Amino acid sequence: MKGGESAKWVDEDMADHFLKGAQDYVKKHKDEPFFLYYAMQQPHVPRTPHPRFVGASGMGARGDVIVEADWCIGEFVKTLEEEGLLENTLIVFTSDNGPVLNDGYYDDAVEKLGSHTPGGPFRGGKYSLLEAGTHVPFFTYWKGKIQPSTSNALVSQVDLLSSLAALVGSDVKGQDSEELLNAFLGKETKGRENLIIEATSRTAFREGDWVMIPPYPGAAINKSVNIEVGNSKKYQLYNLKEDIGQKNNLAEENKDKLEEMIAKFVTIRGDHKGTQKMELK
């Protein structure tokens, strides 16, 4: 907002401005192939719902902006339909991390949470290597092409590069990006074999149902947001198929699996100064 009067804005109007920008882009480019990245401000602080949505959720500003975001998505999809593009457009909706309630702004998000659990059955949250921090919302929609379903395929957002390239007949491939177009279109349930997961520069390893988190220094809980971040002086090994809430650390009783996971992790990731030595004591 340092550009003078023309650069000023009202926070409560941001959603309408961004929505109109996305709608205008679609209308301008509807006669040619286009890619649109529509970033929504609602999940981020300060959460400032438009007066039309204040009180809509009963859960304070945090709940109200989610209602506002839902409305924005609906209006954007309506524009695609009105312009005759809905059956020729792949929509990907996702987030960059898991949930956090109080991220430095006190807007009654914690007090009005009630029985709702933003992270669902998962442990942790934003800033965490645990599932609630790295397992993020993700869905694809393509009218007439994707049948409604739920998939357990392991995918990463980096896989969108190679997958979308395949969709449009391009040979572009990212170094760490796998071509998983059929998984994104719901045509098969097979995803990638494994994945390096990351939170605030710390990394861990997921393969199949297994997650290995190496030891990291620092507090186990980020007290400023009251979230477990996954730090521990010991290795952590979880089987998500049997323990989705990551309550049972199997590192001691399943050392063969732990050694296997560490070896694959080190091979893929290489040396990294942010972790302690990758060897068993």
C-alpha atoms as a PDB file:
ATOM      1  CA  MET A   1       0.000   0.000   0.000  1.00  0.00           C
ATOM      2  CA  LYS A   2       2.991   2.305  -0.573  1.00  0.00           C
ATOM      3  CA  GLY A   3       1.957   3.474  -4.036  1.00  0.00           C
ATOM      4  CA  GLY A   4      -0.153   6.412  -2.999  1.00  0.00           C
ATOM      5  CA  GLU A   5      -3.918   6.732  -3.125  1.00  0.00           C
ATOM      6  CA  SER A   6      -4.263   4.415  -6.135  1.00  0.00           C
ATOM      7  CA  ALA A   7      -2.599   1.573  -4.223  1.00  0.00           C
ATOM      8  CA  LYS A   8      -4.921   1.663  -1.230  1.00  0.00           C
ATOM      9  CA  TRP A   9      -7.542  -0.986  -0.695  1.00  0.00           C
ATOM     10  CA  VAL A  10     -10.116  -2.068   1.855  1.00  0.00           C
ATOM     11  CA  ASP A  11      -9.324  -5.508   3.273  1.00  0.00           C
ATOM     12  CA  GLU A  12     -12.972  -6.535   3.344  1.00  0.00           C
ATOM     13  CA  ASP A  13     -13.204  -5.928  -0.422  1.00  0.00           C
ATOM     14  CA  MET A  14     -10.225  -8.112  -1.378  1.00  0.00           C
ATOM     15  CA  ALA A  15     -12.268 -11.225  -2.099  1.00  0.00           C
ATOM     16  CA  ASP A  16     -14.529  -9.366  -4.515  1.00  0.00           C
ATOM     17  CA  HIS A  17     -11.528  -7.787  -6.273  1.00  0.00           C
ATOM     18  CA  PHE A  18      -9.704 -11.105  -6.695  1.00  0.00           C
ATOM     19  CA  LEU A  19     -12.853 -12.881  -7.854  1.00  0.00           C
ATOM     20  CA  LYS A  20     -13.558 -10.220 -10.456  1.00  0.00           C
ATOM     21  CA  GLY A  21      -9.959 -10.408 -11.648  1.00  0.00           C
ATOM     22  CA  ALA A  22     -10.260 -14.175 -12.112  1.00  0.00           C
ATOM     23  CA  GLN A  23     -13.611 -13.817 -13.884  1.00  0.00           C
ATOM     24  CA  ASP A  24     -12.276 -11.082 -16.178  1.00  0.00           C
ATOM     25  CA  TYR A  25      -9.254 -13.205 -17.074  1.00  0.00           C
ATOM     26  CA  VAL A  26     -11.484 -16.104 -18.088  1.00  0.00           C
ATOM     27  CA  LYS A  27     -13.696 -13.875 -20.217  1.00  0.00           C
ATOM     28  CA  LYS A  28     -10.669 -12.312 -21.922  1.00  0.00           C
ATOM     29  CA  HIS A  29      -8.971 -15.630 -22.742  1.00  0.00           C
ATOM     30  CA  LYS A  30     -11.981 -17.891 -23.272  1.00  0.00           C
ATOM     31  CA  ASP A  31     -11.221 -18.359 -26.965  1.00  0.00           C
ATOM     32  CA  GLU A  32      -7.716 -19.705 -26.347  1.00  0.00           C
ATOM     33  CA  PRO A  33      -6.028 -22.197 -24.014  1.00  0.00           C
ATOM     34  CA  PHE A  34      -5.264 -20.613 -20.651  1.00  0.00           C
ATOM     35  CA  PHE A  35      -3.858 -21.390 -17.229  1.00  0.00           C
ATOM     36  CA  LEU A  36      -5.123 -19.395 -14.257  1.00  0.00           C
ATOM     37  CA  TYR A  37      -3.679 -19.502 -10.739  1.00  0.00           C
ATOM     38  CA  TYR A  38      -6.371 -18.077  -8.477  1.00  0.00           C
ATOM     39  CA  ALA A  39      -4.926 -17.581  -4.977  1.00  0.00           C
ATOM     40  CA  MET A  40      -7.478 -16.945  -2.254  1.00  0.00           C
ATOM     41  CA  GLN A  41      -6.634 -14.720   0.689  1.00  0.00           C
ATOM     42  CA  GLN A  42      -9.358 -15.966   3.034  1.00  0.00           C
ATOM     43  CA  PRO A  43      -7.410 -18.582   5.016  1.00  0.00           C
ATOM     44  CA  HIS A  44      -4.651 -16.100   5.848  1.00  0.00           C
ATOM     45  CA  VAL A  45      -4.568 -13.537   8.610  1.00  0.00           C
ATOM     46  CA  PRO A  46      -5.877 -10.967   9.129  1.00  0.00           C
ATOM     47  CA  ARG A  47      -9.170 -12.664   8.343  1.00  0.00           C
ATOM     48  CA  THR A  48     -11.504  -9.945   7.133  1.00  0.00           C
ATOM     49  CA  PRO A  49     -14.816 -11.236   5.755  1.00  0.00           C
ATOM     50  CA  HIS A  50     -16.940  -8.858   3.740  1.00  0.00           C
ATOM     51  CA  PRO A  51     -19.938  -7.548   5.741  1.00  0.00           C
ATOM     52  CA  ARG A  52     -22.159  -9.802   3.592  1.00  0.00           C
ATOM     53  CA  PHE A  53     -20.613 -12.829   5.317  1.00  0.00           C
ATOM     54  CA  VAL A  54     -20.109 -11.573   8.871  1.00  0.00           C
ATOM     55  CA  GLY A  55     -21.964 -13.959  11.198  1.00  0.00           C
ATOM     56  CA  ALA A  56     -22.624 -16.461   8.408  1.00  0.00           C
ATOM     57  CA  SER A  57     -20.835 -19.354  10.115  1.00  0.00           C
ATOM     58  CA  GLY A  58     -21.360 -18.781  13.824  1.00  0.00           C
ATOM     59  CA  MET A  59     -17.627 -19.442  14.253  1.00  0.00           C
ATOM     60  CA  GLY A  60     -16.320 -15.896  14.077  1.00  0.00           C
ATOM     61  CA  ALA A  61     -14.167 -14.331  11.368  1.00  0.00           C
ATOM     62  CA  ARG A  62     -12.322 -17.564  10.642  1.00  0.00           C
ATOM     63  CA  GLY A  63     -15.508 -19.443   9.878  1.00  0.00           C
ATOM     64  CA  ASP A  64     -17.028 -16.528   8.004  1.00  0.00           C
ATOM     65  CA  VAL A  65     -14.117 -16.228   5.560  1.00  0.00           C
ATOM     66  CA  ILE A  66     -14.416 -19.943   4.751  1.00  0.00           C
ATOM     67  CA  VAL A  67     -18.079 -19.346   3.866  1.00  0.00           C
ATOM     68  CA  GLU A  68     -16.929 -16.385   1.767  1.00  0.00           C
ATOM     69  CA  ALA A  69     -14.289 -18.526   0.011  1.00  0.00           C
ATOM     70  CA  ASP A  70     -16.898 -21.173  -0.754  1.00  0.00           C
ATOM     71  CA  TRP A  71     -19.132 -18.507  -2.299  1.00  0.00           C
ATOM     72  CA  CYS A  72     -16.226 -17.154  -4.395  1.00  0.00           C
ATOM     73  CA  ILE A  73     -15.476 -20.606  -5.791  1.00  0.00           C
ATOM     74  CA  GLY A  74     -19.139 -21.069  -6.640  1.00  0.00           C
ATOM     75  CA  GLU A  75     -19.265 -17.726  -8.454  1.00  0.00           C
ATOM     76  CA  PHE A  76     -16.098 -18.531 -10.383  1.00  0.00           C
ATOM     77  CA  VAL A  77     -17.436 -21.922 -11.481  1.00  0.00           C
ATOM     78  CA  LYS A  78     -20.669 -20.186 -12.484  1.00  0.00           C
ATOM     79  CA  THR A  79     -18.628 -17.870 -14.735  1.00  0.00           C
ATOM     80  CA  LEU A  80     -16.947 -20.840 -16.418  1.00  0.00           C
ATOM     81  CA  GLU A  81     -20.368 -22.325 -17.034  1.00  0.00           C
ATOM     82  CA  GLU A  82     -21.841 -19.087 -18.397  1.00  0.00           C
ATOM     83  CA  GLU A  83     -18.897 -18.719 -20.782  1.00  0.00           C
ATOM     84  CA  GLY A  84     -19.316 -22.291 -22.029  1.00  0.00           C
ATOM     85  CA  LEU A  85     -15.999 -23.438 -20.591  1.00  0.00           C
ATOM     86  CA  LEU A  86     -16.939 -25.703 -17.689  1.00  0.00           C
ATOM     87  CA  GLU A  87     -16.773 -28.924 -19.721  1.00  0.00           C
ATOM     88  CA  ASN A  88     -13.394 -27.911 -21.129  1.00  0.00           C
ATOM     89  CA  THR A  89     -11.690 -26.796 -17.916  1.00  0.00           C
ATOM     90  CA  LEU A  90      -9.817 -28.848 -15.320  1.00  0.00           C
ATOM     91  CA  ILE A  91     -10.134 -27.259 -11.871  1.00  0.00           C
ATOM     92  CA  VAL A  92      -7.622 -28.087  -9.128  1.00  0.00           C
ATOM     93  CA  PHE A  93      -8.382 -26.898  -5.595  1.00  0.00           C
ATOM     94  CA  THR A  94      -5.716 -27.285  -2.935  1.00  0.00           C
ATOM     95  CA  SER A  95      -3.895 -25.703   0.004  1.00  0.00           C
ATOM     96  CA  ASP A  96      -0.226 -25.187   0.858  1.00  0.00           C
ATOM     97  CA  ASN A  97      -0.362 -26.540   4.407  1.00  0.00           C
ATOM     98  CA  GLY A  98      -2.612 -27.799   7.154  1.00  0.00           C
ATOM     99  CA  PRO A  99      -4.754 -25.729   9.522  1.00  0.00           C
ATOM    100  CA  VAL A 100      -3.866 -23.222  12.217  1.00  0.00           C
ATOM    101  CA  LEU A 101      -6.353 -21.328  14.370  1.00  0.00           C
ATOM    102  CA  ASN A 102      -4.456 -18.533  16.105  1.00  0.00           C
ATOM    103  CA  ASP A 103      -1.623 -17.373  13.858  1.00  0.00           C
ATOM    104  CA  GLY A 104      -0.954 -14.105  15.636  1.00  0.00           C
ATOM    105  CA  TYR A 105      -4.343 -12.435  15.237  1.00  0.00           C
ATOM    106  CA  TYR A 106      -6.933 -12.817  17.969  1.00  0.00           C
ATOM    107  CA  ASP A 107     -10.272 -13.130  16.202  1.00  0.00           C
ATOM    108  CA  ASP A 108     -12.039 -15.625  18.525  1.00  0.00           C
ATOM    109  CA  ALA A 109     -11.141 -18.547  16.245  1.00  0.00           C
ATOM    110  CA  VAL A 110     -10.113 -20.667  19.232  1.00  0.00           C
ATOM    111  CA  GLU A 111     -12.949 -19.593  21.490  1.00  0.00           C
ATOM    112  CA  LYS A 112     -15.636 -20.249  18.858  1.00  0.00           C
ATOM    113  CA  LEU A 113     -14.223 -23.512  17.561  1.00  0.00           C
ATOM    114  CA  GLY A 114     -16.679 -25.663  19.493  1.00  0.00           C
ATOM    115  CA  SER A 115     -16.393 -29.377  18.686  1.00  0.00           C
ATOM    116  CA  HIS A 116     -14.959 -28.789  15.202  1.00  0.00           C
ATOM    117  CA  THR A 117     -11.517 -30.308  14.540  1.00  0.00           C
ATOM    118  CA  PRO A 118      -9.842 -28.489  11.610  1.00  0.00           C
ATOM    119  CA  GLY A 119      -7.223 -31.232  11.186  1.00  0.00           C
ATOM    120  CA  GLY A 120      -9.763 -34.032  11.193  1.00  0.00           C
ATOM    121  CA  PRO A 121      -8.248 -37.312  12.454  1.00  0.00           C
ATOM    122  CA  PHE A 122      -4.696 -36.108  11.878  1.00  0.00           C
ATOM    123  CA  ARG A 123      -2.121 -35.002  14.446  1.00  0.00           C
ATOM    124  CA  GLY A 124      -0.338 -31.632  14.269  1.00  0.00           C
ATOM    125  CA  GLY A 125      -1.171 -28.674  12.043  1.00  0.00           C
ATOM    126  CA  LYS A 126       0.511 -25.892  10.103  1.00  0.00           C
ATOM    127  CA  TYR A 127       4.327 -25.836  10.630  1.00  0.00           C
ATOM    128  CA  SER A 128       4.217 -29.563  11.447  1.00  0.00           C
ATOM    129  CA  LEU A 129       5.813 -32.612   9.811  1.00  0.00           C
ATOM    130  CA  LEU A 130       2.936 -34.630  11.240  1.00  0.00           C
ATOM    131  CA  GLU A 131       0.000 -35.463   8.959  1.00  0.00           C
ATOM    132  CA  ALA A 132      -2.172 -32.445   9.790  1.00  0.00           C
ATOM    133  CA  GLY A 133       0.628 -30.203   8.563  1.00  0.00           C
ATOM    134  CA  THR A 134       1.557 -31.967   5.324  1.00  0.00           C
ATOM    135  CA  HIS A 135      -1.641 -33.826   4.310  1.00  0.00           C
ATOM    136  CA  VAL A 136      -3.548 -31.000   2.627  1.00  0.00           C
ATOM    137  CA  PRO A 137      -6.964 -30.484   0.997  1.00  0.00           C
ATOM    138  CA  PHE A 138      -6.851 -31.463  -2.683  1.00  0.00           C
ATOM    139  CA  PHE A 139      -9.519 -32.148  -5.264  1.00  0.00           C
ATOM    140  CA  THR A 140      -9.856 -32.068  -9.028  1.00  0.00           C
ATOM    141  CA  TYR A 141     -13.031 -31.285 -10.952  1.00  0.00           C
ATOM    142  CA  TRP A 142     -13.761 -31.582 -14.660  1.00  0.00           C
ATOM    143  CA  LYS A 143     -17.410 -31.711 -15.653  1.00  0.00           C
ATOM    144  CA  GLY A 144     -18.126 -34.771 -17.756  1.00  0.00           C
ATOM    145  CA  LYS A 145     -14.556 -36.083 -17.474  1.00  0.00           C
ATOM    146  CA  ILE A 146     -14.029 -36.845 -13.782  1.00  0.00           C
ATOM    147  CA  GLN A 147     -16.488 -39.078 -11.952  1.00  0.00           C
ATOM    148  CA  PRO A 148     -17.060 -38.164  -8.271  1.00  0.00           C
ATOM    149  CA  SER A 149     -14.916 -40.408  -6.086  1.00  0.00           C
ATOM    150  CA  THR A 150     -12.311 -40.473  -3.325  1.00  0.00           C
ATOM    151  CA  SER A 151      -8.745 -41.535  -4.028  1.00  0.00           C
ATOM    152  CA  ASN A 152      -5.985 -42.697  -1.703  1.00  0.00           C
ATOM    153  CA  ALA A 153      -3.310 -42.163  -4.364  1.00  0.00           C
ATOM    154  CA  LEU A 154      -0.167 -40.551  -2.960  1.00  0.00           C
ATOM    155  CA  VAL A 155       0.461 -37.373  -4.964  1.00  0.00           C
ATOM    156  CA  SER A 156       2.303 -34.102  -4.571  1.00  0.00           C
ATOM    157  CA  GLN A 157       1.509 -30.672  -5.942  1.00  0.00           C
ATOM    158  CA  VAL A 158       4.843 -30.785  -7.804  1.00  0.00           C
ATOM    159  CA  ASP A 159       3.349 -33.632  -9.858  1.00  0.00           C
ATOM    160  CA  LEU A 160       0.945 -31.161 -11.453  1.00  0.00           C
ATOM    161  CA  LEU A 161       3.733 -29.843 -13.695  1.00  0.00           C
ATOM    162  CA  SER A 162       4.432 -33.127 -15.496  1.00  0.00           C
ATOM    163  CA  SER A 163       0.793 -34.216 -15.356  1.00  0.00           C
ATOM    164  CA  LEU A 164      -0.633 -31.044 -16.886  1.00  0.00           C
ATOM    165  CA  ALA A 165       2.130 -31.103 -19.472  1.00  0.00           C
ATOM    166  CA  ALA A 166       0.991 -34.592 -20.493  1.00  0.00           C
ATOM    167  CA  LEU A 167      -2.613 -33.360 -20.651  1.00  0.00           C
ATOM    168  CA  VAL A 168      -1.752 -30.689 -23.233  1.00  0.00           C
ATOM    169  CA  GLY A 169       0.785 -32.750 -25.169  1.00  0.00           C
ATOM    170  CA  SER A 170       3.896 -31.007 -23.867  1.00  0.00           C
ATOM    171  CA  ASP A 171       7.163 -32.826 -23.162  1.00  0.00           C
ATOM    172  CA  VAL A 172       8.000 -30.534 -20.218  1.00  0.00           C
ATOM    173  CA  LYS A 173       8.940 -32.515 -17.096  1.00  0.00           C
ATOM    174  CA  GLY A 174      10.037 -31.364 -13.679  1.00  0.00           C
ATOM    175  CA  GLN A 175      13.007 -33.025 -11.987  1.00  0.00           C
ATOM    176  CA  ASP A 176      10.926 -34.152  -8.997  1.00  0.00           C
ATOM    177  CA  SER A 177       7.556 -34.071 -10.744  1.00  0.00           C
ATOM    178  CA  GLU A 178       5.912 -37.373 -11.677  1.00  0.00           C
ATOM    179  CA  GLU A 179       3.340 -37.744 -14.443  1.00  0.00           C
ATOM    180  CA  LEU A 180       0.210 -38.873 -12.604  1.00  0.00           C
ATOM    181  CA  LEU A 181      -2.491 -37.525 -14.904  1.00  0.00           C
ATOM    182  CA  ASN A 182      -4.682 -40.630 -14.643  1.00  0.00           C
ATOM    183  CA  ALA A 183      -4.615 -40.391 -10.849  1.00  0.00           C
ATOM    184  CA  PHE A 184      -5.682 -36.743 -11.006  1.00  0.00           C
ATOM    185  CA  LEU A 185      -8.471 -37.611 -13.456  1.00  0.00           C
ATOM    186  CA  GLY A 186      -9.713 -40.466 -11.267  1.00  0.00           C
ATOM    187  CA  LYS A 187      -8.920 -43.120 -13.877  1.00  0.00           C
ATOM    188  CA  GLU A 188      -6.612 -45.080 -11.582  1.00  0.00           C
ATOM    189  CA  THR A 189      -5.777 -45.184  -7.883  1.00  0.00           C
ATOM    190  CA  LYS A 190      -2.025 -45.617  -8.222  1.00  0.00           C
ATOM    191  CA  GLY A 191       0.052 -42.580  -7.318  1.00  0.00           C
ATOM    192  CA  ARG A 192       3.726 -42.122  -6.579  1.00  0.00           C
ATOM    193  CA  GLU A 193       5.736 -44.667  -4.579  1.00  0.00           C
ATOM    194  CA  ASN A 194       7.187 -42.213  -2.086  1.00  0.00           C
ATOM    195  CA  LEU A 195       7.485 -38.562  -1.235  1.00  0.00           C
ATOM    196  CA  ILE A 196       9.740 -36.180   0.669  1.00  0.00           C
ATOM    197  CA  ILE A 197       7.509 -34.047   2.882  1.00  0.00           C
ATOM    198  CA  GLU A 198       8.525 -30.659   4.262  1.00  0.00           C
ATOM    199  CA  ALA A 199       7.576 -28.160   6.947  1.00  0.00           C
ATOM    200  CA  THR A 200       9.568 -24.990   7.655  1.00  0.00           C
ATOM    201  CA  SER A 201      12.713 -26.452   6.021  1.00  0.00           C
ATOM    202  CA  ARG A 202      12.521 -29.715   7.963  1.00  0.00           C
ATOM    203  CA  THR A 203      11.946 -32.825   5.858  1.00  0.00           C
ATOM    204  CA  ALA A 204      10.608 -36.334   6.417  1.00  0.00           C
ATOM    205  CA  PHE A 205       9.783 -39.373   4.284  1.00  0.00           C
ATOM    206  CA  ARG A 206       6.531 -41.011   3.236  1.00  0.00           C
ATOM    207  CA  GLU A 207       6.300 -44.314   1.375  1.00  0.00           C
ATOM    208  CA  GLY A 208       3.043 -46.191   1.037  1.00  0.00           C
ATOM    209  CA  ASP A 209       1.390 -46.283   4.447  1.00  0.00           C
ATOM    210  CA  TRP A 210       4.627 -45.494   6.280  1.00  0.00           C
ATOM    211  CA  VAL A 211       5.991 -42.166   7.480  1.00  0.00           C
ATOM    212  CA  MET A 212       9.468 -41.672   8.934  1.00  0.00           C
ATOM    213  CA  ILE A 213      10.348 -38.416  10.708  1.00  0.00           C
ATOM    214  CA  PRO A 214      14.036 -37.996  11.585  1.00  0.00           C
ATOM    215  CA  PRO A 215      15.144 -36.343  14.831  1.00  0.00           C
ATOM    216  CA  TYR A 216      15.171 -32.557  14.898  1.00  0.00           C
ATOM    217  CA  PRO A 217      16.256 -30.126  17.611  1.00  0.00           C
ATOM    218  CA  GLY A 218      13.795 -27.678  19.053  1.00  0.00           C
ATOM    219  CA  ALA A 219      10.558 -27.755  20.985  1.00  0.00           C
ATOM    220  CA  ALA A 220       8.005 -30.456  20.250  1.00  0.00           C
ATOM    221  CA  ILE A 221       5.207 -27.885  20.412  1.00  0.00           C
ATOM    222  CA  ASN A 222       5.075 -24.457  18.782  1.00  0.00           C
ATOM    223  CA  LYS A 223       3.611 -22.678  21.792  1.00  0.00           C
ATOM    224  CA  SER A 224       2.705 -19.527  19.875  1.00  0.00           C
ATOM    225  CA  VAL A 225       0.092 -21.499  17.890  1.00  0.00           C
ATOM    226  CA  ASN A 226      -0.256 -24.518  20.240  1.00  0.00           C
ATOM    227  CA  ILE A 227       0.599 -27.080  17.541  1.00  0.00           C
ATOM    228  CA  GLU A 228       2.783 -30.194  17.700  1.00  0.00           C
ATOM    229  CA  VAL A 229       5.440 -29.706  15.029  1.00  0.00           C
ATOM    230  CA  GLY A 230       6.933 -33.198  14.976  1.00  0.00           C
ATOM    231  CA  ASN A 231      10.307 -32.398  16.552  1.00  0.00           C
ATOM    232  CA  SER A 232      11.829 -35.168  18.666  1.00  0.00           C
ATOM    233  CA  LYS A 233      15.259 -36.348  19.782  1.00  0.00           C
ATOM    234  CA  LYS A 234      14.365 -39.791  18.460  1.00  0.00           C
ATOM    235  CA  TYR A 235      13.288 -41.201  15.110  1.00  0.00           C
ATOM    236  CA  GLN A 236       9.556 -41.510  14.592  1.00  0.00           C
ATOM    237  CA  LEU A 237       7.971 -44.220  12.458  1.00  0.00           C
ATOM    238  CA  TYR A 238       4.224 -44.491  11.891  1.00  0.00           C
ATOM    239  CA  ASN A 239       1.966 -46.809   9.918  1.00  0.00           C
ATOM    240  CA  LEU A 240      -0.862 -44.558   8.754  1.00  0.00           C
ATOM    241  CA  LYS A 241      -3.075 -47.436   7.646  1.00  0.00           C
ATOM    242  CA  GLU A 242      -3.272 -48.705  11.214  1.00  0.00           C
ATOM    243  CA  ASP A 243      -2.624 -45.447  13.050  1.00  0.00           C
ATOM    244  CA  ILE A 244      -3.924 -42.408  11.157  1.00  0.00           C
ATOM    245  CA  GLY A 245      -3.543 -40.252  14.272  1.00  0.00           C
ATOM    246  CA  GLN A 246       0.168 -41.095  14.610  1.00  0.00           C
ATOM    247  CA  LYS A 247      -0.119 -42.097  18.238  1.00  0.00           C
ATOM    248  CA  ASN A 248       2.155 -45.162  18.163  1.00  0.00           C
ATOM    249  CA  ASN A 249       5.829 -44.635  17.324  1.00  0.00           C
ATOM    250  CA  LEU A 250       7.054 -47.947  15.886  1.00  0.00           C
ATOM    251  CA  ALA A 251      10.713 -46.959  15.489  1.00  0.00           C
ATOM    252  CA  GLU A 252      11.980 -49.127  18.353  1.00  0.00           C
ATOM    253  CA  GLU A 253       9.963 -52.238  17.591  1.00  0.00           C
ATOM    254  CA  ASN A 254      10.371 -52.144  13.817  1.00  0.00           C
ATOM    255  CA  LYS A 255      14.024 -51.245  13.280  1.00  0.00           C
ATOM    256  CA  ASP A 256      14.283 -53.072   9.948  1.00  0.00           C
ATOM    257  CA  LYS A 257      11.556 -50.884   8.472  1.00  0.00           C
ATOM    258  CA  LEU A 258      13.096 -47.803  10.045  1.00  0.00           C
ATOM    259  CA  GLU A 259      16.512 -48.548   8.519  1.00  0.00           C
ATOM    260  CA  GLU A 260      14.867 -49.127   5.131  1.00  0.00           C
ATOM    261  CA  MET A 261      13.025 -45.797   5.305  1.00  0.00           C
ATOM    262  CA  ILE A 262      16.129 -43.889   6.426  1.00  0.00           C
ATOM    263  CA  ALA A 263      18.217 -45.341   3.587  1.00  0.00           C
ATOM    264  CA  LYS A 264      15.668 -44.384   0.940  1.00  0.00           C
ATOM    265  CA  PHE A 265      15.203 -40.954   2.492  1.00  0.00           C
ATOM    266  CA  VAL A 266      18.931 -40.204   2.441  1.00  0.00           C
ATOM    267  CA  THR A 267      19.291 -41.490  -1.135  1.00  0.00           C
ATOM    268  CA  ILE A 268      16.524 -39.216  -2.420  1.00  0.00           C
ATOM    269  CA  ARG A 269      17.184 -36.184  -0.293  1.00  0.00           C
ATOM    270  CA  GLY A 270      20.958 -36.251  -0.063  1.00  0.00           C
ATOM    271  CA  ASP A 271      22.845 -34.496   2.710  1.00  0.00           C
ATOM    272  CA  HIS A 272      20.945 -31.770   4.499  1.00  0.00           C
ATOM    273  CA  LYS A 273      22.333 -29.577   7.249  1.00  0.00           C
ATOM    274  CA  GLY A 274      18.924 -29.185   8.896  1.00  0.00           C
ATOM    275  CA  THR A 275      18.814 -32.748  10.215  1.00  0.00           C
ATOM    276  CA  GLN A 276      20.919 -34.691  12.634  1.00  0.00           C
ATOM    277  CA  LYS A 277      23.007 -37.598  11.315  1.00  0.00           C
ATOM    278  CA  MET A 278      20.893 -40.159   9.506  1.00  0.00           C
ATOM    279  CA  GLU A 279      22.109 -43.252  11.291  1.00  0.00           C
ATOM    280  CA  LEU A 280      20.786 -45.432  14.056  1.00  0.00           C
ATOM    281  CA  LYS A 281      22.422 -45.224  17.476  1.00  0.00           C
END
